[in-house]
Amino acid sequence: MISLQAGFQTFYRHSGDGPHTSALCNLASVKLEQLRPNVFQMTLASQELSALVAAARLAYDAMADDPAAPREALEHLASVLRDFDVARERLHDEDGR
């Protein structure tokens, strides 16, 4: 089994009525596991998922405007994004949000 884990920490400042304070915040780690050949499971926070999907959509838009972009890659990326959208809607329907 292959396992990849990457975590990071960030500082943030809160300003209110009192002085500024700093705190160290542990953000969720990305965890990627290979379950079997060509099958992976990824665990990540919603912000990390949003960043990956946004990057995929930007890549799709750039490839769609490039006549030299491989059509097979463009079609595969479109299929992955459609599958994600369907899964997201199914999740949305299940919990009522």
Protein backbone atom coordinates (compact mmCIF):
# COMPACT_ATOMS: atom_id res chain seq x y z
CA MET A 1 0.00 0.00 0.00
CA ILE A 2 1.25 3.47 -0.89
CA SER A 3 0.42 6.22 1.54
CA LEU A 4 1.17 9.92 1.12
CA GLN A 5 0.41 12.42 3.80
CA ALA A 6 1.04 16.16 3.68
CA GLY A 7 -0.02 18.58 6.36
CA PHE A 8 0.61 22.23 6.98
CA GLN A 9 0.06 24.83 9.62
CA THR A 10 -0.81 28.49 9.30
CA PHE A 11 -0.92 31.55 11.49
CA TYR A 12 -3.94 33.79 11.62
CA ARG A 13 -4.68 37.04 13.39
CA HIS A 14 -7.93 37.92 15.08
CA SER A 15 -8.76 41.55 15.65
CA GLY A 16 -11.61 42.52 17.91
CA ASP A 17 -11.99 44.91 20.79
CA GLY A 18 -8.71 43.78 22.33
CA PRO A 19 -5.18 43.53 20.99
CA HIS A 20 -4.31 41.33 18.04
CA THR A 21 -3.64 37.73 18.93
CA SER A 22 -1.94 35.03 16.96
CA ALA A 23 -2.73 31.36 17.03
CA LEU A 24 -1.29 28.32 15.36
CA CYS A 25 -3.91 26.38 13.48
CA ASN A 26 -3.49 22.79 12.32
CA LEU A 27 -5.29 22.27 9.05
CA ALA A 28 -6.44 18.90 7.83
CA SER A 29 -3.85 16.76 6.11
CA VAL A 30 -4.27 15.34 2.66
CA LYS A 31 -4.07 11.58 2.84
CA LEU A 32 -3.77 9.46 -0.29
CA GLU A 33 -3.84 5.68 -0.17
CA GLN A 34 -3.59 3.15 -2.96
CA LEU A 35 -6.23 0.50 -2.26
CA ARG A 36 -5.33 -1.65 -5.28
CA PRO A 37 -3.85 -0.98 -8.73
CA ASN A 38 -5.47 2.12 -10.27
CA VAL A 39 -7.76 2.64 -7.26
CA PHE A 40 -6.95 5.37 -4.76
CA GLN A 41 -8.71 6.80 -1.75
CA MET A 42 -8.13 10.42 -0.80
CA THR A 43 -9.05 12.10 2.47
CA LEU A 44 -8.94 15.89 2.52
CA ALA A 45 -10.70 18.97 3.84
CA SER A 46 -13.37 20.74 1.82
CA GLN A 47 -11.03 23.66 1.09
CA GLU A 48 -8.44 21.28 -0.34
CA LEU A 49 -11.04 19.53 -2.46
CA SER A 50 -12.30 22.88 -3.73
CA ALA A 51 -8.77 23.89 -4.73
CA LEU A 52 -8.23 20.65 -6.66
CA VAL A 53 -11.57 20.89 -8.48
CA ALA A 54 -11.01 24.56 -9.29
CA ALA A 55 -7.59 23.72 -10.74
CA ALA A 56 -9.14 20.94 -12.83
CA ARG A 57 -11.79 23.32 -14.15
CA LEU A 58 -9.14 25.94 -15.02
CA ALA A 59 -7.08 23.26 -16.79
CA TYR A 60 -10.16 22.14 -18.73
CA ASP A 61 -10.94 25.71 -19.82
CA ALA A 62 -7.34 26.28 -20.92
CA MET A 63 -7.26 22.99 -22.82
CA ALA A 64 -10.62 23.64 -24.45
CA ASP A 65 -9.25 26.90 -25.89
CA ASP A 66 -6.06 25.25 -27.15
CA PRO A 67 -6.41 23.58 -30.55
CA ALA A 68 -3.20 21.62 -29.88
CA ALA A 69 -4.52 20.10 -26.64
CA PRO A 70 -5.02 16.34 -26.90
CA ARG A 71 -8.75 15.71 -27.41
CA GLU A 72 -8.60 12.43 -25.49
CA ALA A 73 -7.18 14.19 -22.42
CA LEU A 74 -9.79 16.94 -22.70
CA GLU A 75 -12.62 14.39 -22.95
CA HIS A 76 -11.26 12.42 -19.99
CA LEU A 77 -11.01 15.56 -17.83
CA ALA A 78 -14.55 16.55 -18.84
CA SER A 79 -15.76 13.09 -17.83
CA VAL A 80 -14.02 13.29 -14.44
CA LEU A 81 -15.54 16.72 -13.75
CA ARG A 82 -19.02 15.48 -14.78
CA ASP A 83 -18.64 12.47 -12.47
CA PHE A 84 -17.61 14.79 -9.64
CA ASP A 85 -20.61 17.05 -10.25
CA VAL A 86 -22.98 14.07 -10.23
CA ALA A 87 -21.44 12.72 -7.01
CA ARG A 88 -21.65 16.17 -5.40
CA GLU A 89 -25.34 16.46 -6.32
CA ARG A 90 -26.00 13.00 -4.95
CA LEU A 91 -24.31 14.00 -1.68
CA HIS A 92 -26.34 17.21 -1.66
CA ASP A 93 -29.58 15.24 -2.14
CA GLU A 94 -28.76 12.75 0.62
CA ASP A 95 -28.22 15.26 3.42
CA GLY A 96 -30.67 17.93 2.28
CA ARG A 97 -28.21 20.82 2.03
